[in-house]
Amino acid sequence: MEALHPRIRLFWIAKGAIGAIALGVVLAAVDQWVTDVPTAAIAAVVLLGLGLGIAYAVQLYRVWQYEVQSDALYLERGVLTFVETSVPFVRVQHVDTQFGPIERALGLSSVVVYTAGSRNADVRIPGLTPDRARDLQDTLRKLAVESEADDGV
């Protein structure tokens, strides 16, 4: 099983921090216009949110793994709900790499595998270096094409 690049933790921590700060802004607005919320309570909620976000990011990094198997892409991930996913190559329709602005700043990218079907029709592997993402994209494309040829009825 392959792990994600360690810098993905920074990305996830940043997302958690943005959420904690947004919650603090909402509480400050409530304090301003609706009822009196002590400043210490707002600060405590923001700090608690930051702490939980960091803990979540660290644990998510520990459990997030993927593997290219002989007939499928296998993923394990999740903190509160652990999810195991197997994507048979015969179901793969196309594979993209994505580079969001924060990911680019951290030197990371993601691979998105689109599959046939309507429920959970795509699988995203975050936290890859751009070179690893391109290599994985090429590998998955080749395996999907090969499995298509083997899937004749």
C-alpha atoms as a PDB file:
ATOM      1  CA  MET A   1       0.000   0.000   0.000  1.00  0.00           C
ATOM      2  CA  GLU A   2       1.215   3.502  -0.836  1.00  0.00           C
ATOM      3  CA  ALA A   3       0.797   6.430   1.531  1.00  0.00           C
ATOM      4  CA  LEU A   4       0.133  10.007   0.474  1.00  0.00           C
ATOM      5  CA  HIS A   5       2.810  12.695   0.489  1.00  0.00           C
ATOM      6  CA  PRO A   6       3.282  14.112   4.015  1.00  0.00           C
ATOM      7  CA  ARG A   7       2.519  17.675   2.836  1.00  0.00           C
ATOM      8  CA  ILE A   8      -1.146  16.701   2.411  1.00  0.00           C
ATOM      9  CA  ARG A   9      -1.424  17.117   6.182  1.00  0.00           C
ATOM     10  CA  LEU A  10      -0.740  20.845   5.735  1.00  0.00           C
ATOM     11  CA  PHE A  11      -3.520  21.052   3.145  1.00  0.00           C
ATOM     12  CA  TRP A  12      -6.002  19.306   5.450  1.00  0.00           C
ATOM     13  CA  ILE A  13      -4.904  21.417   8.437  1.00  0.00           C
ATOM     14  CA  ALA A  14      -5.416  24.576   6.356  1.00  0.00           C
ATOM     15  CA  LYS A  15      -8.944  23.426   5.448  1.00  0.00           C
ATOM     16  CA  GLY A  16      -9.684  22.789   9.128  1.00  0.00           C
ATOM     17  CA  ALA A  17      -8.255  26.174  10.109  1.00  0.00           C
ATOM     18  CA  ILE A  18     -10.433  27.943   7.547  1.00  0.00           C
ATOM     19  CA  GLY A  19     -13.476  26.161   8.981  1.00  0.00           C
ATOM     20  CA  ALA A  20     -12.531  27.085  12.562  1.00  0.00           C
ATOM     21  CA  ILE A  21     -11.963  30.723  11.625  1.00  0.00           C
ATOM     22  CA  ALA A  22     -15.266  30.832   9.716  1.00  0.00           C
ATOM     23  CA  LEU A  23     -17.018  29.478  12.814  1.00  0.00           C
ATOM     24  CA  GLY A  24     -15.319  32.183  14.887  1.00  0.00           C
ATOM     25  CA  VAL A  25     -16.534  34.859  12.471  1.00  0.00           C
ATOM     26  CA  VAL A  26     -20.094  33.506  12.704  1.00  0.00           C
ATOM     27  CA  LEU A  27     -19.921  33.528  16.508  1.00  0.00           C
ATOM     28  CA  ALA A  28     -18.565  37.077  16.458  1.00  0.00           C
ATOM     29  CA  ALA A  29     -21.475  38.127  14.212  1.00  0.00           C
ATOM     30  CA  VAL A  30     -23.918  36.472  16.606  1.00  0.00           C
ATOM     31  CA  ASP A  31     -22.212  38.310  19.452  1.00  0.00           C
ATOM     32  CA  GLN A  32     -22.501  41.602  17.619  1.00  0.00           C
ATOM     33  CA  TRP A  33     -26.115  41.399  16.459  1.00  0.00           C
ATOM     34  CA  VAL A  34     -28.072  38.804  18.426  1.00  0.00           C
ATOM     35  CA  THR A  35     -26.757  38.057  21.886  1.00  0.00           C
ATOM     36  CA  ASP A  36     -23.682  38.643  23.980  1.00  0.00           C
ATOM     37  CA  VAL A  37     -21.137  35.839  23.452  1.00  0.00           C
ATOM     38  CA  PRO A  38     -18.033  36.161  25.629  1.00  0.00           C
ATOM     39  CA  THR A  39     -14.847  36.743  23.647  1.00  0.00           C
ATOM     40  CA  ALA A  40     -13.165  33.954  25.609  1.00  0.00           C
ATOM     41  CA  ALA A  41     -15.871  31.535  24.457  1.00  0.00           C
ATOM     42  CA  ILE A  42     -15.334  32.525  20.822  1.00  0.00           C
ATOM     43  CA  ALA A  43     -11.575  32.085  21.212  1.00  0.00           C
ATOM     44  CA  ALA A  44     -12.061  28.711  22.917  1.00  0.00           C
ATOM     45  CA  VAL A  45     -14.319  27.455  20.121  1.00  0.00           C
ATOM     46  CA  VAL A  46     -11.822  28.576  17.456  1.00  0.00           C
ATOM     47  CA  LEU A  47      -8.900  26.961  19.316  1.00  0.00           C
ATOM     48  CA  LEU A  48     -10.888  23.763  19.841  1.00  0.00           C
ATOM     49  CA  GLY A  49     -11.741  23.720  16.142  1.00  0.00           C
ATOM     50  CA  LEU A  50      -8.092  24.206  15.226  1.00  0.00           C
ATOM     51  CA  GLY A  51      -7.030  21.410  17.570  1.00  0.00           C
ATOM     52  CA  LEU A  52      -9.650  19.014  16.240  1.00  0.00           C
ATOM     53  CA  GLY A  53      -8.714  19.943  12.667  1.00  0.00           C
ATOM     54  CA  ILE A  54      -5.058  19.168  13.300  1.00  0.00           C
ATOM     55  CA  ALA A  55      -5.841  15.879  15.040  1.00  0.00           C
ATOM     56  CA  TYR A  56      -8.199  14.895  12.203  1.00  0.00           C
ATOM     57  CA  ALA A  57      -5.598  15.724   9.533  1.00  0.00           C
ATOM     58  CA  VAL A  58      -2.892  13.707  11.287  1.00  0.00           C
ATOM     59  CA  GLN A  59      -5.160  10.669  11.745  1.00  0.00           C
ATOM     60  CA  LEU A  60      -6.493  10.882   8.180  1.00  0.00           C
ATOM     61  CA  TYR A  61      -2.917  10.873   6.885  1.00  0.00           C
ATOM     62  CA  ARG A  62      -2.160   7.751   8.936  1.00  0.00           C
ATOM     63  CA  VAL A  63      -5.038   5.752   7.443  1.00  0.00           C
ATOM     64  CA  TRP A  64      -5.179   7.057   3.828  1.00  0.00           C
ATOM     65  CA  GLN A  65      -3.537   4.464   1.547  1.00  0.00           C
ATOM     66  CA  TYR A  66      -3.961   3.200  -1.984  1.00  0.00           C
ATOM     67  CA  GLU A  67      -2.655   0.377  -4.119  1.00  0.00           C
ATOM     68  CA  VAL A  68      -2.729  -0.467  -7.806  1.00  0.00           C
ATOM     69  CA  GLN A  69      -3.591  -4.164  -7.848  1.00  0.00           C
ATOM     70  CA  SER A  70      -3.672  -6.510 -10.820  1.00  0.00           C
ATOM     71  CA  ASP A  71      -7.348  -5.879 -11.603  1.00  0.00           C
ATOM     72  CA  ALA A  72      -8.380  -2.848  -9.557  1.00  0.00           C
ATOM     73  CA  LEU A  73      -7.394   0.312  -7.738  1.00  0.00           C
ATOM     74  CA  TYR A  74      -7.792  -0.245  -4.000  1.00  0.00           C
ATOM     75  CA  LEU A  75      -8.158   2.607  -1.471  1.00  0.00           C
ATOM     76  CA  GLU A  76      -8.426   2.775   2.318  1.00  0.00           C
ATOM     77  CA  ARG A  77      -9.343   6.024   4.043  1.00  0.00           C
ATOM     78  CA  GLY A  78     -11.459   7.631   6.730  1.00  0.00           C
ATOM     79  CA  VAL A  79     -11.281   8.677  10.351  1.00  0.00           C
ATOM     80  CA  LEU A  80     -14.781   8.468  11.797  1.00  0.00           C
ATOM     81  CA  THR A  81     -15.994   6.135   9.057  1.00  0.00           C
ATOM     82  CA  PHE A  82     -13.325   3.878   7.578  1.00  0.00           C
ATOM     83  CA  VAL A  83     -13.926   3.226   3.873  1.00  0.00           C
ATOM     84  CA  GLU A  84     -12.382   0.558   1.683  1.00  0.00           C
ATOM     85  CA  THR A  85     -12.932   1.033  -2.046  1.00  0.00           C
ATOM     86  CA  SER A  86     -12.034  -1.225  -4.922  1.00  0.00           C
ATOM     87  CA  VAL A  87     -12.366   0.247  -8.413  1.00  0.00           C
ATOM     88  CA  PRO A  88     -12.118  -2.448 -11.098  1.00  0.00           C
ATOM     89  CA  PHE A  89     -10.158  -1.182 -14.082  1.00  0.00           C
ATOM     90  CA  VAL A  90     -12.925  -2.350 -16.406  1.00  0.00           C
ATOM     91  CA  ARG A  91     -15.195   0.319 -14.796  1.00  0.00           C
ATOM     92  CA  VAL A  92     -12.730   3.202 -15.329  1.00  0.00           C
ATOM     93  CA  GLN A  93     -13.925   5.713 -17.917  1.00  0.00           C
ATOM     94  CA  HIS A  94     -11.191   8.329 -17.673  1.00  0.00           C
ATOM     95  CA  VAL A  95      -8.509   9.612 -15.321  1.00  0.00           C
ATOM     96  CA  ASP A  96      -7.622  13.255 -14.604  1.00  0.00           C
ATOM     97  CA  THR A  97      -4.962  15.022 -12.596  1.00  0.00           C
ATOM     98  CA  GLN A  98      -6.017  18.136 -10.698  1.00  0.00           C
ATOM     99  CA  PHE A  99      -3.906  20.922  -9.231  1.00  0.00           C
ATOM    100  CA  GLY A 100      -5.873  23.299  -7.014  1.00  0.00           C
ATOM    101  CA  PRO A 101      -4.272  26.594  -5.944  1.00  0.00           C
ATOM    102  CA  ILE A 102      -3.422  25.440  -2.426  1.00  0.00           C
ATOM    103  CA  GLU A 103      -2.208  22.079  -3.711  1.00  0.00           C
ATOM    104  CA  ARG A 104       0.012  23.856  -6.267  1.00  0.00           C
ATOM    105  CA  ALA A 105       1.459  26.057  -3.519  1.00  0.00           C
ATOM    106  CA  LEU A 106       2.306  22.902  -1.537  1.00  0.00           C
ATOM    107  CA  GLY A 107       3.701  21.092  -4.587  1.00  0.00           C
ATOM    108  CA  LEU A 108       0.862  18.562  -4.592  1.00  0.00           C
ATOM    109  CA  SER A 109      -1.789  17.309  -6.978  1.00  0.00           C
ATOM    110  CA  SER A 110      -4.621  14.793  -7.097  1.00  0.00           C
ATOM    111  CA  VAL A 111      -5.672  11.994  -9.393  1.00  0.00           C
ATOM    112  CA  VAL A 112      -9.390  11.630 -10.076  1.00  0.00           C
ATOM    113  CA  VAL A 113     -10.643   8.325 -11.464  1.00  0.00           C
ATOM    114  CA  TYR A 114     -14.084   8.515 -13.097  1.00  0.00           C
ATOM    115  CA  THR A 115     -16.037   5.287 -13.240  1.00  0.00           C
ATOM    116  CA  ALA A 116     -19.149   3.941 -14.910  1.00  0.00           C
ATOM    117  CA  GLY A 117     -22.213   4.148 -12.707  1.00  0.00           C
ATOM    118  CA  SER A 118     -24.011   6.847 -10.812  1.00  0.00           C
ATOM    119  CA  ARG A 119     -23.215   6.233  -7.126  1.00  0.00           C
ATOM    120  CA  ASN A 120     -19.764   7.474  -6.168  1.00  0.00           C
ATOM    121  CA  ALA A 121     -18.854   7.719  -9.835  1.00  0.00           C
ATOM    122  CA  ASP A 122     -15.449   9.203  -9.109  1.00  0.00           C
ATOM    123  CA  VAL A 123     -12.584   8.436  -6.752  1.00  0.00           C
ATOM    124  CA  ARG A 124     -10.013  11.041  -5.778  1.00  0.00           C
ATOM    125  CA  ILE A 125      -6.477  10.322  -4.590  1.00  0.00           C
ATOM    126  CA  PRO A 126      -5.131  13.542  -3.043  1.00  0.00           C
ATOM    127  CA  GLY A 127      -1.657  14.395  -1.796  1.00  0.00           C
ATOM    128  CA  LEU A 128       0.526  13.203  -4.641  1.00  0.00           C
ATOM    129  CA  THR A 129       3.520  14.951  -6.119  1.00  0.00           C
ATOM    130  CA  PRO A 130       2.804  16.128  -9.678  1.00  0.00           C
ATOM    131  CA  ASP A 131       5.221  13.535 -11.098  1.00  0.00           C
ATOM    132  CA  ARG A 132       3.637  10.712  -9.098  1.00  0.00           C
ATOM    133  CA  ALA A 133       0.156  11.899 -10.113  1.00  0.00           C
ATOM    134  CA  ARG A 134       1.078  11.838 -13.820  1.00  0.00           C
ATOM    135  CA  ASP A 135       2.702   8.396 -13.476  1.00  0.00           C
ATOM    136  CA  LEU A 136      -0.357   7.044 -11.669  1.00  0.00           C
ATOM    137  CA  GLN A 137      -2.672   8.615 -14.250  1.00  0.00           C
ATOM    138  CA  ASP A 138      -0.737   6.953 -17.102  1.00  0.00           C
ATOM    139  CA  THR A 139      -0.667   3.597 -15.295  1.00  0.00           C
ATOM    140  CA  LEU A 140      -4.405   3.669 -14.592  1.00  0.00           C
ATOM    141  CA  ARG A 141      -5.198   4.650 -18.184  1.00  0.00           C
ATOM    142  CA  LYS A 142      -3.111   1.771 -19.553  1.00  0.00           C
ATOM    143  CA  LEU A 143      -4.651  -0.741 -17.150  1.00  0.00           C
ATOM    144  CA  ALA A 144      -8.158   0.489 -17.998  1.00  0.00           C
ATOM    145  CA  VAL A 145      -7.516   0.080 -21.736  1.00  0.00           C
ATOM    146  CA  GLU A 146      -6.021  -3.387 -21.197  1.00  0.00           C
ATOM    147  CA  SER A 147      -8.965  -4.491 -19.052  1.00  0.00           C
ATOM    148  CA  GLU A 148     -11.393  -3.193 -21.684  1.00  0.00           C
ATOM    149  CA  ALA A 149      -9.795  -5.518 -24.219  1.00  0.00           C
ATOM    150  CA  ASP A 150     -10.038  -8.445 -21.780  1.00  0.00           C
ATOM    151  CA  ASP A 151     -13.706  -7.727 -21.032  1.00  0.00           C
ATOM    152  CA  GLY A 152     -15.046  -8.936 -24.356  1.00  0.00           C
ATOM    153  CA  VAL A 153     -18.336 -10.807 -24.160  1.00  0.00           C
END
